[in-house]
């Protein structure tokens, strides 16, 4: 490695992660600005690709640094600030508005896109890469929910009886995309020894993706936002399902890690006060 310091390695990994996510986001902003794709389609492609590219970069981070889960989402935190100031109308950016909103209204950024970024950030910090819950949340949110909208608009002629704004095609697509993405990331992370790979885990991801698709189809997801309801459902059910099958490391931060962070923060404040 280029450095023996886990903290420096993770700082470099955070920069690379930020560059990768920013490049993907910039590509879709240019596509939206040039009207090369439909605005709604472009918005969902941002939804799918930015989160999954960010997720792919997690193995770059050191296993020895307890601050890695806080450094990894720096680009997402920057994006939270960005969409907030644009959503409030303090800054104008047509590329962001066109690529992330349904109707071109900057105020929409304060709902779905903001929920999306906050959900990924919290998932990173709380669950990180050794918890299968992180896979369930990010794959169902990014791949599942994103593909559901694309397929629902194109093939969703038959609507659901309990929610006329959703379709059978969209719900089926969400389940399949979320499930397939979860299994693929399980296999990817298992290469690095982060999570267990087994048929029991595959079944668990299938159950979670199915329930996430059902939750996304409910009217409450339409009234609130599926960028909020899908992550919450994935976390709650994921904790229950993975605990029941005996999966370990459901929360990435051990008590030892928390003590290490507390000690470091205490040293920082002690040094600043002296």
C-alpha atoms as a PDB file:
ATOM      1  CA  UNK A   1       0.000   0.000   0.000  1.00  0.00           C
ATOM      2  CA  UNK A   2       1.042   3.618  -0.539  1.00  0.00           C
ATOM      3  CA  UNK A   3       0.806   4.285   3.194  1.00  0.00           C
ATOM      4  CA  UNK A   4       0.915   2.318   6.429  1.00  0.00           C
ATOM      5  CA  UNK A   5      -1.528   4.696   8.103  1.00  0.00           C
ATOM      6  CA  UNK A   6      -5.132   3.417   8.040  1.00  0.00           C
ATOM      7  CA  UNK A   7      -6.422   6.966   8.473  1.00  0.00           C
ATOM      8  CA  UNK A   8      -4.443   8.277   5.502  1.00  0.00           C
ATOM      9  CA  UNK A   9      -5.486   5.301   3.418  1.00  0.00           C
ATOM     10  CA  UNK A  10      -9.121   5.971   4.223  1.00  0.00           C
ATOM     11  CA  UNK A  11      -8.763   9.666   3.484  1.00  0.00           C
ATOM     12  CA  UNK A  12      -7.429   8.711   0.048  1.00  0.00           C
ATOM     13  CA  UNK A  13     -10.221   6.169  -0.423  1.00  0.00           C
ATOM     14  CA  UNK A  14     -12.772   8.835   0.497  1.00  0.00           C
ATOM     15  CA  UNK A  15     -11.324  11.127  -2.169  1.00  0.00           C
ATOM     16  CA  UNK A  16     -11.467   8.365  -4.803  1.00  0.00           C
ATOM     17  CA  UNK A  17     -15.028   7.518  -3.777  1.00  0.00           C
ATOM     18  CA  UNK A  18     -16.001  11.158  -4.038  1.00  0.00           C
ATOM     19  CA  UNK A  19     -14.414  11.498  -7.469  1.00  0.00           C
ATOM     20  CA  UNK A  20     -16.171   8.371  -8.775  1.00  0.00           C
ATOM     21  CA  UNK A  21     -19.589   9.456  -7.480  1.00  0.00           C
ATOM     22  CA  UNK A  22     -19.081  13.049  -8.668  1.00  0.00           C
ATOM     23  CA  UNK A  23     -18.116  11.887 -12.177  1.00  0.00           C
ATOM     24  CA  UNK A  24     -21.227   9.726 -12.453  1.00  0.00           C
ATOM     25  CA  UNK A  25     -23.418  12.541 -11.157  1.00  0.00           C
ATOM     26  CA  UNK A  26     -21.819  15.042 -13.529  1.00  0.00           C
ATOM     27  CA  UNK A  27     -22.432  12.761 -16.504  1.00  0.00           C
ATOM     28  CA  UNK A  28     -26.151  12.601 -15.746  1.00  0.00           C
ATOM     29  CA  UNK A  29     -26.312  16.351 -15.144  1.00  0.00           C
ATOM     30  CA  UNK A  30     -24.867  16.910 -18.613  1.00  0.00           C
ATOM     31  CA  UNK A  31     -27.304  14.413 -20.109  1.00  0.00           C
ATOM     32  CA  UNK A  32     -30.165  16.262 -18.412  1.00  0.00           C
ATOM     33  CA  UNK A  33     -28.904  19.701 -19.467  1.00  0.00           C
ATOM     34  CA  UNK A  34     -28.647  18.593 -23.088  1.00  0.00           C
ATOM     35  CA  UNK A  35     -32.078  16.891 -22.913  1.00  0.00           C
ATOM     36  CA  UNK A  36     -30.589  13.667 -24.269  1.00  0.00           C
ATOM     37  CA  UNK A  37     -32.948  11.585 -22.132  1.00  0.00           C
ATOM     38  CA  UNK A  38     -36.344  12.112 -20.578  1.00  0.00           C
ATOM     39  CA  UNK A  39     -36.036  14.012 -17.290  1.00  0.00           C
ATOM     40  CA  UNK A  40     -37.818  11.320 -15.254  1.00  0.00           C
ATOM     41  CA  UNK A  41     -35.624   8.582 -16.722  1.00  0.00           C
ATOM     42  CA  UNK A  42     -32.473  10.615 -16.081  1.00  0.00           C
ATOM     43  CA  UNK A  43     -33.546  11.190 -12.481  1.00  0.00           C
ATOM     44  CA  UNK A  44     -33.901   7.457 -11.867  1.00  0.00           C
ATOM     45  CA  UNK A  45     -30.600   6.647 -13.550  1.00  0.00           C
ATOM     46  CA  UNK A  46     -28.961   9.038 -11.075  1.00  0.00           C
ATOM     47  CA  UNK A  47     -30.873   7.261  -8.310  1.00  0.00           C
ATOM     48  CA  UNK A  48     -29.534   3.852  -9.388  1.00  0.00           C
ATOM     49  CA  UNK A  49     -25.974   4.535 -10.449  1.00  0.00           C
ATOM     50  CA  UNK A  50     -24.647   7.066  -7.931  1.00  0.00           C
ATOM     51  CA  UNK A  51     -25.521   4.924  -4.908  1.00  0.00           C
ATOM     52  CA  UNK A  52     -24.261   1.673  -6.413  1.00  0.00           C
ATOM     53  CA  UNK A  53     -20.971   3.198  -7.630  1.00  0.00           C
ATOM     54  CA  UNK A  54     -20.467   4.624  -4.138  1.00  0.00           C
ATOM     55  CA  UNK A  55     -21.231   1.175  -2.686  1.00  0.00           C
ATOM     56  CA  UNK A  56     -18.673  -0.487  -4.990  1.00  0.00           C
ATOM     57  CA  UNK A  57     -15.890   1.638  -3.512  1.00  0.00           C
ATOM     58  CA  UNK A  58     -16.260   0.379   0.070  1.00  0.00           C
ATOM     59  CA  UNK A  59     -13.530  -2.318  -0.171  1.00  0.00           C
ATOM     60  CA  UNK A  60     -10.963   0.456  -0.705  1.00  0.00           C
ATOM     61  CA  UNK A  61     -11.227   1.439   2.949  1.00  0.00           C
ATOM     62  CA  UNK A  62      -9.013   0.034   5.690  1.00  0.00           C
ATOM     63  CA  UNK A  63     -10.309  -2.651   8.064  1.00  0.00           C
ATOM     64  CA  UNK A  64      -8.207  -1.148  10.864  1.00  0.00           C
ATOM     65  CA  UNK A  65      -9.660   2.356  11.020  1.00  0.00           C
ATOM     66  CA  UNK A  66     -12.831   2.896  13.069  1.00  0.00           C
ATOM     67  CA  UNK A  67     -13.319   6.234  11.319  1.00  0.00           C
ATOM     68  CA  UNK A  68     -13.739   4.638   7.864  1.00  0.00           C
ATOM     69  CA  UNK A  69     -17.585   4.631   8.060  1.00  0.00           C
ATOM     70  CA  UNK A  70     -17.470   8.371   8.748  1.00  0.00           C
ATOM     71  CA  UNK A  71     -14.958   9.173   5.984  1.00  0.00           C
ATOM     72  CA  UNK A  72     -16.659   7.094   3.288  1.00  0.00           C
ATOM     73  CA  UNK A  73     -19.881   9.141   3.043  1.00  0.00           C
ATOM     74  CA  UNK A  74     -18.160  12.546   2.882  1.00  0.00           C
ATOM     75  CA  UNK A  75     -19.200  12.932  -0.764  1.00  0.00           C
ATOM     76  CA  UNK A  76     -22.796  12.113   0.196  1.00  0.00           C
ATOM     77  CA  UNK A  77     -22.703  14.663   3.031  1.00  0.00           C
ATOM     78  CA  UNK A  78     -21.416  17.271   0.586  1.00  0.00           C
ATOM     79  CA  UNK A  79     -24.295  16.374  -1.717  1.00  0.00           C
ATOM     80  CA  UNK A  80     -26.763  16.740   1.176  1.00  0.00           C
ATOM     81  CA  UNK A  81     -25.523  20.295   1.689  1.00  0.00           C
ATOM     82  CA  UNK A  82     -25.626  20.923  -2.063  1.00  0.00           C
ATOM     83  CA  UNK A  83     -29.218  19.752  -2.625  1.00  0.00           C
ATOM     84  CA  UNK A  84     -30.339  21.584   0.509  1.00  0.00           C
ATOM     85  CA  UNK A  85     -29.034  24.981  -0.564  1.00  0.00           C
ATOM     86  CA  UNK A  86     -30.359  24.460  -4.106  1.00  0.00           C
ATOM     87  CA  UNK A  87     -33.686  23.174  -2.779  1.00  0.00           C
ATOM     88  CA  UNK A  88     -34.038  26.240  -0.567  1.00  0.00           C
ATOM     89  CA  UNK A  89     -33.413  28.442  -3.591  1.00  0.00           C
ATOM     90  CA  UNK A  90     -30.185  29.904  -2.202  1.00  0.00           C
ATOM     91  CA  UNK A  91     -28.206  28.640  -5.208  1.00  0.00           C
ATOM     92  CA  UNK A  92     -29.375  27.916  -8.745  1.00  0.00           C
ATOM     93  CA  UNK A  93     -28.169  24.817 -10.582  1.00  0.00           C
ATOM     94  CA  UNK A  94     -30.333  23.674 -13.481  1.00  0.00           C
ATOM     95  CA  UNK A  95     -28.268  20.517 -14.004  1.00  0.00           C
ATOM     96  CA  UNK A  96     -28.991  19.268 -10.481  1.00  0.00           C
ATOM     97  CA  UNK A  97     -32.654  20.282 -10.693  1.00  0.00           C
ATOM     98  CA  UNK A  98     -33.191  18.630 -14.089  1.00  0.00           C
ATOM     99  CA  UNK A  99     -31.406  15.407 -13.132  1.00  0.00           C
ATOM    100  CA  UNK A 100     -32.903  14.946  -9.655  1.00  0.00           C
ATOM    101  CA  UNK A 101     -36.475  16.267  -9.752  1.00  0.00           C
ATOM    102  CA  UNK A 102     -39.671  15.051 -11.356  1.00  0.00           C
ATOM    103  CA  UNK A 103     -41.130  18.374 -12.437  1.00  0.00           C
ATOM    104  CA  UNK A 104     -38.180  20.760 -12.464  1.00  0.00           C
ATOM    105  CA  UNK A 105     -39.129  22.380  -9.143  1.00  0.00           C
ATOM    106  CA  UNK A 106     -36.093  23.053  -6.941  1.00  0.00           C
ATOM    107  CA  UNK A 107     -38.188  22.424  -3.803  1.00  0.00           C
ATOM    108  CA  UNK A 108     -38.483  18.745  -4.739  1.00  0.00           C
ATOM    109  CA  UNK A 109     -34.804  18.365  -3.792  1.00  0.00           C
ATOM    110  CA  UNK A 110     -35.779  18.767  -0.130  1.00  0.00           C
ATOM    111  CA  UNK A 111     -37.833  15.571  -0.284  1.00  0.00           C
ATOM    112  CA  UNK A 112     -36.832  12.456  -2.241  1.00  0.00           C
ATOM    113  CA  UNK A 113     -33.210  13.353  -3.116  1.00  0.00           C
ATOM    114  CA  UNK A 114     -32.521  14.561   0.426  1.00  0.00           C
ATOM    115  CA  UNK A 115     -34.098  11.442   1.989  1.00  0.00           C
ATOM    116  CA  UNK A 116     -32.045   9.292  -0.407  1.00  0.00           C
ATOM    117  CA  UNK A 117     -28.739  10.903   0.560  1.00  0.00           C
ATOM    118  CA  UNK A 118     -29.521  10.841   4.288  1.00  0.00           C
ATOM    119  CA  UNK A 119     -30.547   7.164   4.135  1.00  0.00           C
ATOM    120  CA  UNK A 120     -27.280   6.150   2.453  1.00  0.00           C
ATOM    121  CA  UNK A 121     -25.214   8.232   4.884  1.00  0.00           C
ATOM    122  CA  UNK A 122     -26.861   6.775   7.984  1.00  0.00           C
ATOM    123  CA  UNK A 123     -26.646   3.252   6.570  1.00  0.00           C
ATOM    124  CA  UNK A 124     -22.916   3.698   6.000  1.00  0.00           C
ATOM    125  CA  UNK A 125     -22.235   4.999   9.497  1.00  0.00           C
ATOM    126  CA  UNK A 126     -24.424   2.546  11.406  1.00  0.00           C
ATOM    127  CA  UNK A 127     -24.028  -0.679   9.403  1.00  0.00           C
ATOM    128  CA  UNK A 128     -20.982  -0.270   7.125  1.00  0.00           C
ATOM    129  CA  UNK A 129     -19.680  -3.157   5.036  1.00  0.00           C
ATOM    130  CA  UNK A 130     -19.621  -6.021   7.553  1.00  0.00           C
ATOM    131  CA  UNK A 131     -23.363  -5.882   8.129  1.00  0.00           C
ATOM    132  CA  UNK A 132     -25.681  -7.507   5.563  1.00  0.00           C
ATOM    133  CA  UNK A 133     -28.249  -4.858   6.498  1.00  0.00           C
ATOM    134  CA  UNK A 134     -26.224  -2.286   4.555  1.00  0.00           C
ATOM    135  CA  UNK A 135     -26.527  -4.449   1.442  1.00  0.00           C
ATOM    136  CA  UNK A 136     -30.283  -4.853   1.876  1.00  0.00           C
ATOM    137  CA  UNK A 137     -30.868  -1.129   2.408  1.00  0.00           C
ATOM    138  CA  UNK A 138     -28.710   0.269  -0.387  1.00  0.00           C
ATOM    139  CA  UNK A 139     -29.616  -2.356  -2.987  1.00  0.00           C
ATOM    140  CA  UNK A 140     -33.358  -2.069  -2.398  1.00  0.00           C
ATOM    141  CA  UNK A 141     -33.179   1.731  -2.280  1.00  0.00           C
ATOM    142  CA  UNK A 142     -30.913   2.260  -5.295  1.00  0.00           C
ATOM    143  CA  UNK A 143     -31.429  -0.692  -7.622  1.00  0.00           C
ATOM    144  CA  UNK A 144     -34.889  -1.810  -6.504  1.00  0.00           C
ATOM    145  CA  UNK A 145     -36.688   1.506  -6.217  1.00  0.00           C
ATOM    146  CA  UNK A 146     -34.923   2.974  -9.249  1.00  0.00           C
ATOM    147  CA  UNK A 147     -35.743   0.102 -11.582  1.00  0.00           C
ATOM    148  CA  UNK A 148     -39.330  -0.023 -10.263  1.00  0.00           C
ATOM    149  CA  UNK A 149     -40.036   3.486 -11.521  1.00  0.00           C
ATOM    150  CA  UNK A 150     -38.460   2.863 -14.937  1.00  0.00           C
ATOM    151  CA  UNK A 151     -40.359  -0.385 -15.550  1.00  0.00           C
ATOM    152  CA  UNK A 152     -43.536   0.942 -13.981  1.00  0.00           C
ATOM    153  CA  UNK A 153     -43.677   3.890 -16.373  1.00  0.00           C
ATOM    154  CA  UNK A 154     -42.925   1.765 -19.425  1.00  0.00           C
ATOM    155  CA  UNK A 155     -44.848  -1.434 -18.713  1.00  0.00           C
ATOM    156  CA  UNK A 156     -47.115  -0.527 -15.807  1.00  0.00           C
ATOM    157  CA  UNK A 157     -50.439  -0.611 -17.601  1.00  0.00           C
ATOM    158  CA  UNK A 158     -52.048  -2.854 -14.987  1.00  0.00           C
ATOM    159  CA  UNK A 159     -52.274  -0.937 -11.712  1.00  0.00           C
ATOM    160  CA  UNK A 160     -52.312  -2.339  -8.196  1.00  0.00           C
ATOM    161  CA  UNK A 161     -55.768  -2.504  -6.586  1.00  0.00           C
ATOM    162  CA  UNK A 162     -54.586  -0.886  -3.352  1.00  0.00           C
ATOM    163  CA  UNK A 163     -52.632   1.927  -5.052  1.00  0.00           C
ATOM    164  CA  UNK A 164     -53.536   3.109  -8.573  1.00  0.00           C
ATOM    165  CA  UNK A 165     -50.274   5.064  -8.772  1.00  0.00           C
ATOM    166  CA  UNK A 166     -48.275   1.822  -8.670  1.00  0.00           C
ATOM    167  CA  UNK A 167     -48.276  -1.156 -11.020  1.00  0.00           C
ATOM    168  CA  UNK A 168     -47.625  -4.877 -10.953  1.00  0.00           C
ATOM    169  CA  UNK A 169     -44.749  -4.427 -13.404  1.00  0.00           C
ATOM    170  CA  UNK A 170     -43.076  -1.833 -11.200  1.00  0.00           C
ATOM    171  CA  UNK A 171     -43.419  -3.888  -8.018  1.00  0.00           C
ATOM    172  CA  UNK A 172     -42.143  -7.078  -9.659  1.00  0.00           C
ATOM    173  CA  UNK A 173     -39.221  -5.162 -11.179  1.00  0.00           C
ATOM    174  CA  UNK A 174     -38.382  -3.672  -7.792  1.00  0.00           C
ATOM    175  CA  UNK A 175     -38.327  -7.057  -6.098  1.00  0.00           C
ATOM    176  CA  UNK A 176     -36.149  -8.636  -8.791  1.00  0.00           C
ATOM    177  CA  UNK A 177     -33.716  -5.718  -9.088  1.00  0.00           C
ATOM    178  CA  UNK A 178     -33.323  -5.310  -5.333  1.00  0.00           C
ATOM    179  CA  UNK A 179     -32.900  -9.049  -4.821  1.00  0.00           C
ATOM    180  CA  UNK A 180     -30.409  -9.586  -7.674  1.00  0.00           C
ATOM    181  CA  UNK A 181     -28.359  -6.542  -6.637  1.00  0.00           C
ATOM    182  CA  UNK A 182     -28.319  -7.757  -3.015  1.00  0.00           C
ATOM    183  CA  UNK A 183     -27.051 -11.201  -4.006  1.00  0.00           C
ATOM    184  CA  UNK A 184     -24.419  -9.714  -6.308  1.00  0.00           C
ATOM    185  CA  UNK A 185     -23.113  -7.401  -3.579  1.00  0.00           C
ATOM    186  CA  UNK A 186     -23.180 -10.276  -1.088  1.00  0.00           C
ATOM    187  CA  UNK A 187     -20.881 -12.193  -3.439  1.00  0.00           C
ATOM    188  CA  UNK A 188     -18.746  -9.101  -4.037  1.00  0.00           C
ATOM    189  CA  UNK A 189     -18.294  -8.312  -0.336  1.00  0.00           C
ATOM    190  CA  UNK A 190     -17.701 -11.973   0.518  1.00  0.00           C
ATOM    191  CA  UNK A 191     -14.567 -11.890  -1.679  1.00  0.00           C
ATOM    192  CA  UNK A 192     -13.073  -9.449   0.836  1.00  0.00           C
ATOM    193  CA  UNK A 193     -14.374 -11.376   3.850  1.00  0.00           C
ATOM    194  CA  UNK A 194     -16.867  -8.680   4.856  1.00  0.00           C
ATOM    195  CA  UNK A 195     -20.026 -10.821   4.844  1.00  0.00           C
ATOM    196  CA  UNK A 196     -20.973 -14.483   4.727  1.00  0.00           C
ATOM    197  CA  UNK A 197     -22.038 -16.022   1.413  1.00  0.00           C
ATOM    198  CA  UNK A 198     -24.656 -18.760   1.717  1.00  0.00           C
ATOM    199  CA  UNK A 199     -28.021 -19.881   0.381  1.00  0.00           C
ATOM    200  CA  UNK A 200     -29.554 -18.912   3.710  1.00  0.00           C
ATOM    201  CA  UNK A 201     -28.365 -15.345   3.151  1.00  0.00           C
ATOM    202  CA  UNK A 202     -29.760 -15.440  -0.389  1.00  0.00           C
ATOM    203  CA  UNK A 203     -33.157 -16.428   0.988  1.00  0.00           C
ATOM    204  CA  UNK A 204     -32.962 -13.671   3.606  1.00  0.00           C
ATOM    205  CA  UNK A 205     -32.233 -11.060   0.946  1.00  0.00           C
ATOM    206  CA  UNK A 206     -35.160 -12.397  -1.068  1.00  0.00           C
ATOM    207  CA  UNK A 207     -37.562 -11.957   1.847  1.00  0.00           C
ATOM    208  CA  UNK A 208     -36.336  -8.421   2.531  1.00  0.00           C
ATOM    209  CA  UNK A 209     -36.562  -7.390  -1.134  1.00  0.00           C
ATOM    210  CA  UNK A 210     -40.072  -8.817  -1.376  1.00  0.00           C
ATOM    211  CA  UNK A 211     -41.275  -6.904   1.683  1.00  0.00           C
ATOM    212  CA  UNK A 212     -39.501  -3.735   0.507  1.00  0.00           C
ATOM    213  CA  UNK A 213     -41.366  -4.002  -2.812  1.00  0.00           C
ATOM    214  CA  UNK A 214     -44.670  -4.422  -0.964  1.00  0.00           C
ATOM    215  CA  UNK A 215     -43.933  -1.415   1.255  1.00  0.00           C
ATOM    216  CA  UNK A 216     -43.011   0.663  -1.822  1.00  0.00           C
ATOM    217  CA  UNK A 217     -46.371  -0.226  -3.370  1.00  0.00           C
ATOM    218  CA  UNK A 218     -48.407   1.016  -0.401  1.00  0.00           C
ATOM    219  CA  UNK A 219     -50.173   4.401  -0.471  1.00  0.00           C
ATOM    220  CA  UNK A 220     -48.127   5.528   2.556  1.00  0.00           C
ATOM    221  CA  UNK A 221     -44.975   5.376   0.409  1.00  0.00           C
ATOM    222  CA  UNK A 222     -46.655   7.646  -2.110  1.00  0.00           C
ATOM    223  CA  UNK A 223     -47.714  10.145   0.559  1.00  0.00           C
ATOM    224  CA  UNK A 224     -44.396  10.168   2.426  1.00  0.00           C
ATOM    225  CA  UNK A 225     -41.666   9.131   0.003  1.00  0.00           C
ATOM    226  CA  UNK A 226     -40.346   5.705  -0.937  1.00  0.00           C
ATOM    227  CA  UNK A 227     -36.816   7.006  -0.403  1.00  0.00           C
ATOM    228  CA  UNK A 228     -37.849   7.115   3.251  1.00  0.00           C
ATOM    229  CA  UNK A 229     -40.151   4.099   3.643  1.00  0.00           C
ATOM    230  CA  UNK A 230     -38.016   1.591   1.706  1.00  0.00           C
ATOM    231  CA  UNK A 231     -34.820   2.125   3.793  1.00  0.00           C
ATOM    232  CA  UNK A 232     -36.781   2.047   7.059  1.00  0.00           C
ATOM    233  CA  UNK A 233     -38.529  -1.185   6.072  1.00  0.00           C
ATOM    234  CA  UNK A 234     -35.237  -2.745   4.923  1.00  0.00           C
ATOM    235  CA  UNK A 235     -33.510  -1.862   8.200  1.00  0.00           C
ATOM    236  CA  UNK A 236     -36.299  -3.128  10.456  1.00  0.00           C
ATOM    237  CA  UNK A 237     -36.949  -6.344   8.567  1.00  0.00           C
ATOM    238  CA  UNK A 238     -33.243  -6.867   7.879  1.00  0.00           C
ATOM    239  CA  UNK A 239     -32.436  -6.705  11.579  1.00  0.00           C
ATOM    240  CA  UNK A 240     -35.185  -9.244  12.324  1.00  0.00           C
ATOM    241  CA  UNK A 241     -34.419 -11.653   9.474  1.00  0.00           C
ATOM    242  CA  UNK A 242     -30.620 -11.631   9.792  1.00  0.00           C
ATOM    243  CA  UNK A 243     -30.799 -11.988  13.571  1.00  0.00           C
ATOM    244  CA  UNK A 244     -33.158 -14.955  13.204  1.00  0.00           C
ATOM    245  CA  UNK A 245     -30.738 -16.791  10.891  1.00  0.00           C
ATOM    246  CA  UNK A 246     -27.795 -16.110  13.195  1.00  0.00           C
ATOM    247  CA  UNK A 247     -25.966 -13.565  11.025  1.00  0.00           C
ATOM    248  CA  UNK A 248     -23.229 -11.676  12.853  1.00  0.00           C
ATOM    249  CA  UNK A 249     -22.018  -8.061  12.804  1.00  0.00           C
ATOM    250  CA  UNK A 250     -25.471  -6.609  12.255  1.00  0.00           C
ATOM    251  CA  UNK A 251     -24.141  -3.286  13.541  1.00  0.00           C
ATOM    252  CA  UNK A 252     -20.671  -2.410  12.297  1.00  0.00           C
ATOM    253  CA  UNK A 253     -19.514  -0.556  15.396  1.00  0.00           C
ATOM    254  CA  UNK A 254     -18.450  -2.667  18.361  1.00  0.00           C
ATOM    255  CA  UNK A 255     -18.221  -1.359  21.906  1.00  0.00           C
ATOM    256  CA  UNK A 256     -14.426  -1.264  21.487  1.00  0.00           C
ATOM    257  CA  UNK A 257     -14.812   0.934  18.401  1.00  0.00           C
ATOM    258  CA  UNK A 258     -17.136   3.289  20.268  1.00  0.00           C
ATOM    259  CA  UNK A 259     -14.616   3.566  23.120  1.00  0.00           C
ATOM    260  CA  UNK A 260     -11.831   4.290  20.617  1.00  0.00           C
ATOM    261  CA  UNK A 261     -13.838   7.062  18.969  1.00  0.00           C
ATOM    262  CA  UNK A 262     -14.824   8.528  22.336  1.00  0.00           C
ATOM    263  CA  UNK A 263     -11.206   8.510  23.476  1.00  0.00           C
ATOM    264  CA  UNK A 264     -10.036  10.230  20.286  1.00  0.00           C
ATOM    265  CA  UNK A 265     -12.765  12.885  20.497  1.00  0.00           C
ATOM    266  CA  UNK A 266     -11.888  13.423  24.155  1.00  0.00           C
ATOM    267  CA  UNK A 267      -8.212  13.927  23.276  1.00  0.00           C
ATOM    268  CA  UNK A 268      -9.148  16.446  20.570  1.00  0.00           C
ATOM    269  CA  UNK A 269     -11.284  18.504  22.948  1.00  0.00           C
ATOM    270  CA  UNK A 270      -8.667  18.229  25.702  1.00  0.00           C
ATOM    271  CA  UNK A 271      -6.005  19.507  23.336  1.00  0.00           C
ATOM    272  CA  UNK A 272      -8.155  22.403  22.138  1.00  0.00           C
ATOM    273  CA  UNK A 273      -8.950  23.514  25.673  1.00  0.00           C
ATOM    274  CA  UNK A 274      -5.330  23.428  26.911  1.00  0.00           C
END
